[in-house]
């Protein structure tokens, strides 16, 4: 058990230095904070998928994947002629 605690202390030290040690925990200042952030982000995505349904969630992902720092996904989709069915965004 001691090695597990030492490992967690090392991860906590890295987190306090600003390193992300838990996938999805970006921004947390401790291992525990990063775990909570990752859990909340995952749950938020699952809730959104349930609200939109699988097709709506996929369409929204397609639009988001097209966005850049210069233009939104909707603008780029229109410019490139990519079809996005926004009627699927609402259930």
PDB file of N, CA and C in Angstrom:
ATOM      1  N   UNK A   1       0.828  -1.200   0.000  1.00  0.00           N
ATOM      2  CA  UNK A   1       0.000   0.000   0.000  1.00  0.00           C
ATOM      3  C   UNK A   1       0.868   1.258   0.000  1.00  0.00           C
ATOM      4  N   UNK A   2       2.042   1.171   0.613  1.00  0.00           N
ATOM      5  CA  UNK A   2       2.919   2.342   0.688  1.00  0.00           C
ATOM      6  C   UNK A   2       3.332   2.819  -0.701  1.00  0.00           C
ATOM      7  N   UNK A   3       3.603   1.879  -1.601  1.00  0.00           N
ATOM      8  CA  UNK A   3       4.016   2.290  -2.944  1.00  0.00           C
ATOM      9  C   UNK A   3       2.892   3.013  -3.674  1.00  0.00           C
ATOM     10  N   UNK A   4       1.651   2.624  -3.426  1.00  0.00           N
ATOM     11  CA  UNK A   4       0.505   3.308  -4.026  1.00  0.00           C
ATOM     12  C   UNK A   4       0.391   4.733  -3.520  1.00  0.00           C
ATOM     13  N   UNK A   5       0.639   4.924  -2.223  1.00  0.00           N
ATOM     14  CA  UNK A   5       0.583   6.265  -1.644  1.00  0.00           C
ATOM     15  C   UNK A   5       1.727   7.124  -2.159  1.00  0.00           C
ATOM     16  N   UNK A   6       2.907   6.518  -2.293  1.00  0.00           N
ATOM     17  CA  UNK A   6       4.053   7.263  -2.818  1.00  0.00           C
ATOM     18  C   UNK A   6       3.791   7.669  -4.265  1.00  0.00           C
ATOM     19  N   UNK A   7       3.221   6.771  -5.038  1.00  0.00           N
ATOM     20  CA  UNK A   7       2.911   7.061  -6.434  1.00  0.00           C
ATOM     21  C   UNK A   7       1.899   8.203  -6.521  1.00  0.00           C
ATOM     22  N   UNK A   8       0.882   8.161  -5.668  1.00  0.00           N
ATOM     23  CA  UNK A   8      -0.140   9.212  -5.667  1.00  0.00           C
ATOM     24  C   UNK A   8       0.472  10.553  -5.248  1.00  0.00           C
ATOM     25  N   UNK A   9       1.390  10.520  -4.298  1.00  0.00           N
ATOM     26  CA  UNK A   9       2.061  11.760  -3.881  1.00  0.00           C
ATOM     27  C   UNK A   9       2.874  12.340  -5.029  1.00  0.00           C
ATOM     28  N   UNK A  10       3.515  11.470  -5.793  1.00  0.00           N
ATOM     29  CA  UNK A  10       4.301  11.925  -6.944  1.00  0.00           C
ATOM     30  C   UNK A  10       3.382  12.548  -7.999  1.00  0.00           C
ATOM     31  N   UNK A  11       2.242  11.897  -8.257  1.00  0.00           N
ATOM     32  CA  UNK A  11       1.276  12.446  -9.218  1.00  0.00           C
ATOM     33  C   UNK A  11       0.745  13.788  -8.719  1.00  0.00           C
ATOM     34  N   UNK A  12       0.488  13.882  -7.420  1.00  0.00           N
ATOM     35  CA  UNK A  12      -0.012  15.126  -6.849  1.00  0.00           C
ATOM     36  C   UNK A  12       1.024  16.242  -7.002  1.00  0.00           C
ATOM     37  N   UNK A  13       2.296  15.904  -6.799  1.00  0.00           N
ATOM     38  CA  UNK A  13       3.365  16.897  -6.968  1.00  0.00           C
ATOM     39  C   UNK A  13       3.387  17.407  -8.412  1.00  0.00           C
ATOM     40  N   UNK A  14       3.280  16.484  -9.370  1.00  0.00           N
ATOM     41  CA  UNK A  14       3.283  16.875 -10.782  1.00  0.00           C
ATOM     42  C   UNK A  14       2.064  17.747 -11.103  1.00  0.00           C
ATOM     43  N   UNK A  15       0.907  17.388 -10.542  1.00  0.00           N
ATOM     44  CA  UNK A  15      -0.317  18.167 -10.782  1.00  0.00           C
ATOM     45  C   UNK A  15      -0.155  19.584 -10.243  1.00  0.00           C
ATOM     46  N   UNK A  16       0.447  19.715  -9.079  1.00  0.00           N
ATOM     47  CA  UNK A  16       0.647  21.043  -8.484  1.00  0.00           C
ATOM     48  C   UNK A  16       1.600  21.905  -9.317  1.00  0.00           C
ATOM     49  N   UNK A  17       2.470  21.238 -10.086  1.00  0.00           N
ATOM     50  CA  UNK A  17       3.389  21.957 -10.980  1.00  0.00           C
ATOM     51  C   UNK A  17       2.724  22.310 -12.309  1.00  0.00           C
ATOM     52  N   UNK A  18       1.453  21.901 -12.473  1.00  0.00           N
ATOM     53  CA  UNK A  18       0.717  22.257 -13.670  1.00  0.00           C
ATOM     54  C   UNK A  18       0.605  21.164 -14.711  1.00  0.00           C
ATOM     55  N   UNK A  19       1.137  19.992 -14.418  1.00  0.00           N
ATOM     56  CA  UNK A  19       1.079  18.885 -15.374  1.00  0.00           C
ATOM     57  C   UNK A  19      -0.268  18.166 -15.255  1.00  0.00           C
ATOM     58  N   UNK A  20      -0.823  17.754 -16.368  1.00  0.00           N
ATOM     59  CA  UNK A  20      -2.060  16.971 -16.351  1.00  0.00           C
ATOM     60  C   UNK A  20      -1.679  15.511 -16.142  1.00  0.00           C
ATOM     61  N   UNK A  21      -2.135  14.923 -15.030  1.00  0.00           N
ATOM     62  CA  UNK A  21      -1.794  13.537 -14.707  1.00  0.00           C
ATOM     63  C   UNK A  21      -3.000  12.606 -14.818  1.00  0.00           C
ATOM     64  N   UNK A  22      -4.184  13.165 -15.023  1.00  0.00           N
ATOM     65  CA  UNK A  22      -5.409  12.378 -15.195  1.00  0.00           C
ATOM     66  C   UNK A  22      -6.028  12.789 -16.528  1.00  0.00           C
ATOM     67  N   UNK A  23      -6.251  11.843 -17.442  1.00  0.00           N
ATOM     68  CA  UNK A  23      -6.872  12.199 -18.728  1.00  0.00           C
ATOM     69  C   UNK A  23      -8.202  12.929 -18.501  1.00  0.00           C
ATOM     70  N   UNK A  24      -8.360  14.094 -19.115  1.00  0.00           N
ATOM     71  CA  UNK A  24      -9.574  14.889 -18.954  1.00  0.00           C
ATOM     72  C   UNK A  24      -9.537  15.804 -17.735  1.00  0.00           C
ATOM     73  N   UNK A  25      -8.450  15.795 -16.999  1.00  0.00           N
ATOM     74  CA  UNK A  25      -8.361  16.590 -15.781  1.00  0.00           C
ATOM     75  C   UNK A  25      -7.623  17.898 -15.955  1.00  0.00           C
ATOM     76  N   UNK A  26      -7.490  18.364 -17.167  1.00  0.00           N
ATOM     77  CA  UNK A  26      -6.762  19.588 -17.459  1.00  0.00           C
ATOM     78  C   UNK A  26      -7.256  20.741 -16.609  1.00  0.00           C
ATOM     79  N   UNK A  27      -6.342  21.415 -15.943  1.00  0.00           N
ATOM     80  CA  UNK A  27      -6.691  22.577 -15.137  1.00  0.00           C
ATOM     81  C   UNK A  27      -6.738  22.297 -13.655  1.00  0.00           C
ATOM     82  N   UNK A  28      -6.790  21.036 -13.256  1.00  0.00           N
ATOM     83  CA  UNK A  28      -6.836  20.706 -11.829  1.00  0.00           C
ATOM     84  C   UNK A  28      -5.474  20.888 -11.187  1.00  0.00           C
ATOM     85  N   UNK A  29      -5.467  21.412  -9.968  1.00  0.00           N
ATOM     86  CA  UNK A  29      -4.200  21.685  -9.281  1.00  0.00           C
ATOM     87  C   UNK A  29      -3.776  20.574  -8.332  1.00  0.00           C
ATOM     88  N   UNK A  30      -4.511  19.457  -8.323  1.00  0.00           N
ATOM     89  CA  UNK A  30      -4.143  18.278  -7.539  1.00  0.00           C
ATOM     90  C   UNK A  30      -4.701  17.053  -8.257  1.00  0.00           C
ATOM     91  N   UNK A  31      -4.233  15.875  -7.854  1.00  0.00           N
ATOM     92  CA  UNK A  31      -4.736  14.653  -8.475  1.00  0.00           C
ATOM     93  C   UNK A  31      -6.235  14.544  -8.239  1.00  0.00           C
ATOM     94  N   UNK A  32      -6.669  14.815  -7.025  1.00  0.00           N
ATOM     95  CA  UNK A  32      -8.091  14.721  -6.692  1.00  0.00           C
ATOM     96  C   UNK A  32      -8.920  15.693  -7.537  1.00  0.00           C
ATOM     97  N   UNK A  33      -8.446  16.916  -7.677  1.00  0.00           N
ATOM     98  CA  UNK A  33      -9.162  17.912  -8.473  1.00  0.00           C
ATOM     99  C   UNK A  33      -9.256  17.462  -9.930  1.00  0.00           C
ATOM    100  N   UNK A  34      -8.163  16.916 -10.463  1.00  0.00           N
ATOM    101  CA  UNK A  34      -8.169  16.446 -11.845  1.00  0.00           C
ATOM    102  C   UNK A  34      -9.133  15.274 -12.028  1.00  0.00           C
ATOM    103  N   UNK A  35      -9.200  14.387 -11.022  1.00  0.00           N
ATOM    104  CA  UNK A  35     -10.143  13.268 -11.095  1.00  0.00           C
ATOM    105  C   UNK A  35     -11.581  13.775 -11.145  1.00  0.00           C
ATOM    106  N   UNK A  36     -11.888  14.766 -10.303  1.00  0.00           N
ATOM    107  CA  UNK A  36     -13.242  15.326 -10.273  1.00  0.00           C
ATOM    108  C   UNK A  36     -13.582  16.039 -11.587  1.00  0.00           C
ATOM    109  N   UNK A  37     -12.626  16.778 -12.132  1.00  0.00           N
ATOM    110  CA  UNK A  37     -12.856  17.449 -13.419  1.00  0.00           C
ATOM    111  C   UNK A  37     -13.125  16.439 -14.526  1.00  0.00           C
ATOM    112  N   UNK A  38     -12.310  15.400 -14.580  1.00  0.00           N
ATOM    113  CA  UNK A  38     -12.470  14.379 -15.624  1.00  0.00           C
ATOM    114  C   UNK A  38     -13.833  13.695 -15.500  1.00  0.00           C
ATOM    115  N   UNK A  39     -14.233  13.386 -14.277  1.00  0.00           N
ATOM    116  CA  UNK A  39     -15.515  12.726 -14.058  1.00  0.00           C
ATOM    117  C   UNK A  39     -16.672  13.623 -14.500  1.00  0.00           C
ATOM    118  N   UNK A  40     -16.607  14.896 -14.154  1.00  0.00           N
ATOM    119  CA  UNK A  40     -17.663  15.834 -14.527  1.00  0.00           C
ATOM    120  C   UNK A  40     -17.746  16.032 -16.023  1.00  0.00           C
ATOM    121  N   UNK A  41     -16.607  16.103 -16.679  1.00  0.00           N
ATOM    122  CA  UNK A  41     -16.604  16.288 -18.132  1.00  0.00           C
ATOM    123  C   UNK A  41     -17.182  15.071 -18.830  1.00  0.00           C
ATOM    124  N   UNK A  42     -16.834  13.894 -18.353  1.00  0.00           N
ATOM    125  CA  UNK A  42     -17.357  12.665 -18.947  1.00  0.00           C
ATOM    126  C   UNK A  42     -18.866  12.580 -18.758  1.00  0.00           C
ATOM    127  N   UNK A  43     -19.314  12.883 -17.551  1.00  0.00           N
ATOM    128  CA  UNK A  43     -20.751  12.824 -17.259  1.00  0.00           C
ATOM    129  C   UNK A  43     -21.512  13.853 -18.095  1.00  0.00           C
ATOM    130  N   UNK A  44     -20.921  15.035 -18.284  1.00  0.00           N
ATOM    131  CA  UNK A  44     -21.559  16.069 -19.093  1.00  0.00           C
ATOM    132  C   UNK A  44     -21.739  15.629 -20.530  1.00  0.00           C
ATOM    133  N   UNK A  45     -20.736  14.960 -21.072  1.00  0.00           N
ATOM    134  CA  UNK A  45     -20.825  14.454 -22.439  1.00  0.00           C
ATOM    135  C   UNK A  45     -21.875  13.372 -22.574  1.00  0.00           C
ATOM    136  N   UNK A  46     -21.961  12.499 -21.577  1.00  0.00           N
ATOM    137  CA  UNK A  46     -22.967  11.435 -21.608  1.00  0.00           C
ATOM    138  C   UNK A  46     -24.373  12.016 -21.530  1.00  0.00           C
ATOM    139  N   UNK A  47     -24.546  13.027 -20.677  1.00  0.00           N
ATOM    140  CA  UNK A  47     -25.851  13.666 -20.545  1.00  0.00           C
ATOM    141  C   UNK A  47     -26.247  14.324 -21.859  1.00  0.00           C
ATOM    142  N   UNK A  48     -25.297  14.999 -22.489  1.00  0.00           N
ATOM    143  CA  UNK A  48     -25.580  15.669 -23.765  1.00  0.00           C
ATOM    144  C   UNK A  48     -25.977  14.644 -24.825  1.00  0.00           C
ATOM    145  N   UNK A  49     -25.280  13.512 -24.851  1.00  0.00           N
ATOM    146  CA  UNK A  49     -25.593  12.457 -25.822  1.00  0.00           C
ATOM    147  C   UNK A  49     -27.017  11.946 -25.592  1.00  0.00           C
ATOM    148  N   UNK A  50     -27.394  11.784 -24.319  1.00  0.00           N
ATOM    149  CA  UNK A  50     -28.747  11.323 -24.002  1.00  0.00           C
ATOM    150  C   UNK A  50     -29.788  12.355 -24.431  1.00  0.00           C
ATOM    151  N   UNK A  51     -29.470  13.634 -24.253  1.00  0.00           N
ATOM    152  CA  UNK A  51     -30.408  14.690 -24.622  1.00  0.00           C
ATOM    153  C   UNK A  51     -30.607  14.777 -26.130  1.00  0.00           C
ATOM    154  N   UNK A  52     -29.526  14.657 -26.872  1.00  0.00           N
ATOM    155  CA  UNK A  52     -29.588  14.831 -28.323  1.00  0.00           C
ATOM    156  C   UNK A  52     -29.895  13.550 -29.079  1.00  0.00           C
ATOM    157  N   UNK A  53     -29.625  12.420 -28.479  1.00  0.00           N
ATOM    158  CA  UNK A  53     -29.720  11.161 -29.201  1.00  0.00           C
ATOM    159  C   UNK A  53     -28.434  10.947 -29.994  1.00  0.00           C
ATOM    160  N   UNK A  54     -28.215   9.733 -30.429  1.00  0.00           N
ATOM    161  CA  UNK A  54     -26.962   9.394 -31.110  1.00  0.00           C
ATOM    162  C   UNK A  54     -26.751  10.197 -32.394  1.00  0.00           C
ATOM    163  N   UNK A  55     -27.799  10.354 -33.203  1.00  0.00           N
ATOM    164  CA  UNK A  55     -27.636  11.076 -34.473  1.00  0.00           C
ATOM    165  C   UNK A  55     -27.317  12.549 -34.240  1.00  0.00           C
ATOM    166  N   UNK A  56     -28.024  13.185 -33.313  1.00  0.00           N
ATOM    167  CA  UNK A  56     -27.782  14.594 -33.031  1.00  0.00           C
ATOM    168  C   UNK A  56     -26.388  14.819 -32.479  1.00  0.00           C
ATOM    169  N   UNK A  57     -25.953  13.905 -31.612  1.00  0.00           N
ATOM    170  CA  UNK A  57     -24.625  14.012 -31.017  1.00  0.00           C
ATOM    171  C   UNK A  57     -23.557  13.880 -32.101  1.00  0.00           C
ATOM    172  N   UNK A  58     -23.777  12.973 -33.050  1.00  0.00           N
ATOM    173  CA  UNK A  58     -22.831  12.799 -34.161  1.00  0.00           C
ATOM    174  C   UNK A  58     -22.783  14.033 -35.049  1.00  0.00           C
ATOM    175  N   UNK A  59     -23.940  14.593 -35.361  1.00  0.00           N
ATOM    176  CA  UNK A  59     -23.987  15.789 -36.209  1.00  0.00           C
ATOM    177  C   UNK A  59     -23.280  16.956 -35.525  1.00  0.00           C
ATOM    178  N   UNK A  60     -23.499  17.093 -34.213  1.00  0.00           N
ATOM    179  CA  UNK A  60     -22.857  18.181 -33.484  1.00  0.00           C
ATOM    180  C   UNK A  60     -21.339  17.990 -33.480  1.00  0.00           C
ATOM    181  N   UNK A  61     -20.895  16.738 -33.351  1.00  0.00           N
ATOM    182  CA  UNK A  61     -19.466  16.443 -33.389  1.00  0.00           C
ATOM    183  C   UNK A  61     -18.858  16.761 -34.742  1.00  0.00           C
ATOM    184  N   UNK A  62     -19.611  16.487 -35.792  1.00  0.00           N
ATOM    185  CA  UNK A  62     -19.144  16.786 -37.153  1.00  0.00           C
ATOM    186  C   UNK A  62     -18.936  18.296 -37.306  1.00  0.00           C
ATOM    187  N   UNK A  63     -19.905  19.058 -36.807  1.00  0.00           N
ATOM    188  CA  UNK A  63     -19.823  20.515 -36.907  1.00  0.00           C
ATOM    189  C   UNK A  63     -18.655  21.044 -36.061  1.00  0.00           C
ATOM    190  N   UNK A  64     -18.521  20.527 -34.853  1.00  0.00           N
ATOM    191  CA  UNK A  64     -17.432  20.956 -33.967  1.00  0.00           C
ATOM    192  C   UNK A  64     -16.066  20.609 -34.524  1.00  0.00           C
ATOM    193  N   UNK A  65     -15.974  19.482 -35.208  1.00  0.00           N
ATOM    194  CA  UNK A  65     -14.707  19.060 -35.786  1.00  0.00           C
ATOM    195  C   UNK A  65     -14.238  19.949 -36.921  1.00  0.00           C
ATOM    196  N   UNK A  66     -15.153  20.690 -37.503  1.00  0.00           N
ATOM    197  CA  UNK A  66     -14.798  21.584 -38.613  1.00  0.00           C
ATOM    198  C   UNK A  66     -14.346  22.961 -38.129  1.00  0.00           C
ATOM    199  N   UNK A  67     -14.591  23.273 -36.854  1.00  0.00           N
ATOM    200  CA  UNK A  67     -14.269  24.617 -36.370  1.00  0.00           C
ATOM    201  C   UNK A  67     -12.757  24.823 -36.278  1.00  0.00           C
ATOM    202  N   UNK A  68     -12.351  26.049 -36.512  1.00  0.00           N
ATOM    203  CA  UNK A  68     -10.955  26.443 -36.389  1.00  0.00           C
ATOM    204  C   UNK A  68     -10.915  27.727 -35.569  1.00  0.00           C
ATOM    205  N   UNK A  69      -9.737  28.237 -35.327  1.00  0.00           N
ATOM    206  CA  UNK A  69      -9.643  29.499 -34.582  1.00  0.00           C
ATOM    207  C   UNK A  69     -10.146  30.673 -35.407  1.00  0.00           C
ATOM    208  N   UNK A  70     -10.174  30.501 -36.729  1.00  0.00           N
ATOM    209  CA  UNK A  70     -10.589  31.584 -37.616  1.00  0.00           C
ATOM    210  C   UNK A  70     -12.079  31.606 -37.929  1.00  0.00           C
ATOM    211  N   UNK A  71     -12.712  30.422 -37.911  1.00  0.00           N
ATOM    212  CA  UNK A  71     -14.133  30.377 -38.255  1.00  0.00           C
ATOM    213  C   UNK A  71     -14.824  29.238 -37.527  1.00  0.00           C
ATOM    214  N   UNK A  72     -16.127  29.402 -37.332  1.00  0.00           N
ATOM    215  CA  UNK A  72     -16.901  28.369 -36.648  1.00  0.00           C
ATOM    216  C   UNK A  72     -17.094  27.168 -37.571  1.00  0.00           C
ATOM    217  N   UNK A  73     -17.526  26.058 -36.973  1.00  0.00           N
ATOM    218  CA  UNK A  73     -17.797  24.859 -37.764  1.00  0.00           C
ATOM    219  C   UNK A  73     -18.892  25.094 -38.778  1.00  0.00           C
ATOM    220  N   UNK A  74     -19.912  25.870 -38.386  1.00  0.00           N
ATOM    221  CA  UNK A  74     -21.015  26.171 -39.305  1.00  0.00           C
ATOM    222  C   UNK A  74     -20.556  26.976 -40.502  1.00  0.00           C
ATOM    223  N   UNK A  75     -19.694  27.964 -40.258  1.00  0.00           N
ATOM    224  CA  UNK A  75     -19.178  28.790 -41.353  1.00  0.00           C
ATOM    225  C   UNK A  75     -18.338  27.961 -42.308  1.00  0.00           C
ATOM    226  N   UNK A  76     -17.478  27.118 -41.747  1.00  0.00           N
ATOM    227  CA  UNK A  76     -16.605  26.293 -42.592  1.00  0.00           C
ATOM    228  C   UNK A  76     -17.419  25.253 -43.364  1.00  0.00           C
ATOM    229  N   UNK A  77     -18.430  24.669 -42.705  1.00  0.00           N
ATOM    230  CA  UNK A  77     -19.281  23.692 -43.386  1.00  0.00           C
ATOM    231  C   UNK A  77     -19.981  24.327 -44.581  1.00  0.00           C
ATOM    232  N   UNK A  78     -20.483  25.553 -44.382  1.00  0.00           N
ATOM    233  CA  UNK A  78     -21.161  26.255 -45.474  1.00  0.00           C
ATOM    234  C   UNK A  78     -20.187  26.553 -46.611  1.00  0.00           C
ATOM    235  N   UNK A  79     -18.990  27.001 -46.247  1.00  0.00           N
ATOM    236  CA  UNK A  79     -17.992  27.347 -47.263  1.00  0.00           C
ATOM    237  C   UNK A  79     -17.549  26.124 -48.057  1.00  0.00           C
ATOM    238  N   UNK A  80     -17.387  24.977 -47.373  1.00  0.00           N
ATOM    239  CA  UNK A  80     -16.892  23.770 -48.039  1.00  0.00           C
ATOM    240  C   UNK A  80     -18.018  22.874 -48.564  1.00  0.00           C
ATOM    241  N   UNK A  81     -19.259  23.272 -48.316  1.00  0.00           N
ATOM    242  CA  UNK A  81     -20.386  22.484 -48.805  1.00  0.00           C
ATOM    243  C   UNK A  81     -20.646  21.205 -48.026  1.00  0.00           C
ATOM    244  N   UNK A  82     -20.235  21.177 -46.756  1.00  0.00           N
ATOM    245  CA  UNK A  82     -20.469  19.996 -45.923  1.00  0.00           C
ATOM    246  C   UNK A  82     -21.882  20.075 -45.361  1.00  0.00           C
ATOM    247  N   UNK A  83     -22.634  19.009 -45.524  1.00  0.00           N
ATOM    248  CA  UNK A  83     -24.019  18.961 -45.064  1.00  0.00           C
ATOM    249  C   UNK A  83     -24.083  18.620 -43.579  1.00  0.00           C
ATOM    250  N   UNK A  84     -24.724  19.504 -42.800  1.00  0.00           N
ATOM    251  CA  UNK A  84     -24.944  19.265 -41.372  1.00  0.00           C
ATOM    252  C   UNK A  84     -26.422  19.474 -41.107  1.00  0.00           C
ATOM    253  N   UNK A  85     -27.075  18.446 -40.616  1.00  0.00           N
ATOM    254  CA  UNK A  85     -28.519  18.505 -40.347  1.00  0.00           C
ATOM    255  C   UNK A  85     -28.749  18.962 -38.919  1.00  0.00           C
ATOM    256  N   UNK A  86     -28.933  20.285 -38.733  1.00  0.00           N
ATOM    257  CA  UNK A  86     -29.108  20.832 -37.392  1.00  0.00           C
ATOM    258  C   UNK A  86     -30.451  20.464 -36.774  1.00  0.00           C
ATOM    259  N   UNK A  87     -31.390  19.946 -37.561  1.00  0.00           N
ATOM    260  CA  UNK A  87     -32.669  19.512 -36.989  1.00  0.00           C
ATOM    261  C   UNK A  87     -32.462  18.333 -36.047  1.00  0.00           C
ATOM    262  N   UNK A  88     -31.346  17.630 -36.183  1.00  0.00           N
ATOM    263  CA  UNK A  88     -31.055  16.498 -35.307  1.00  0.00           C
ATOM    264  C   UNK A  88     -30.488  16.950 -33.964  1.00  0.00           C
ATOM    265  N   UNK A  89     -30.162  18.255 -33.819  1.00  0.00           N
ATOM    266  CA  UNK A  89     -29.583  18.754 -32.585  1.00  0.00           C
ATOM    267  C   UNK A  89     -30.593  18.774 -31.439  1.00  0.00           C
ATOM    268  N   UNK A  90     -31.872  18.806 -31.765  1.00  0.00           N
ATOM    269  CA  UNK A  90     -32.895  18.827 -30.719  1.00  0.00           C
ATOM    270  C   UNK A  90     -33.717  17.562 -30.809  1.00  0.00           C
ATOM    271  N   UNK A  91     -34.099  17.080 -29.668  1.00  0.00           N
ATOM    272  CA  UNK A  91     -34.832  15.827 -29.619  1.00  0.00           C
ATOM    273  C   UNK A  91     -36.309  16.063 -29.664  1.00  0.00           C
TER     274      UNK A  91
END
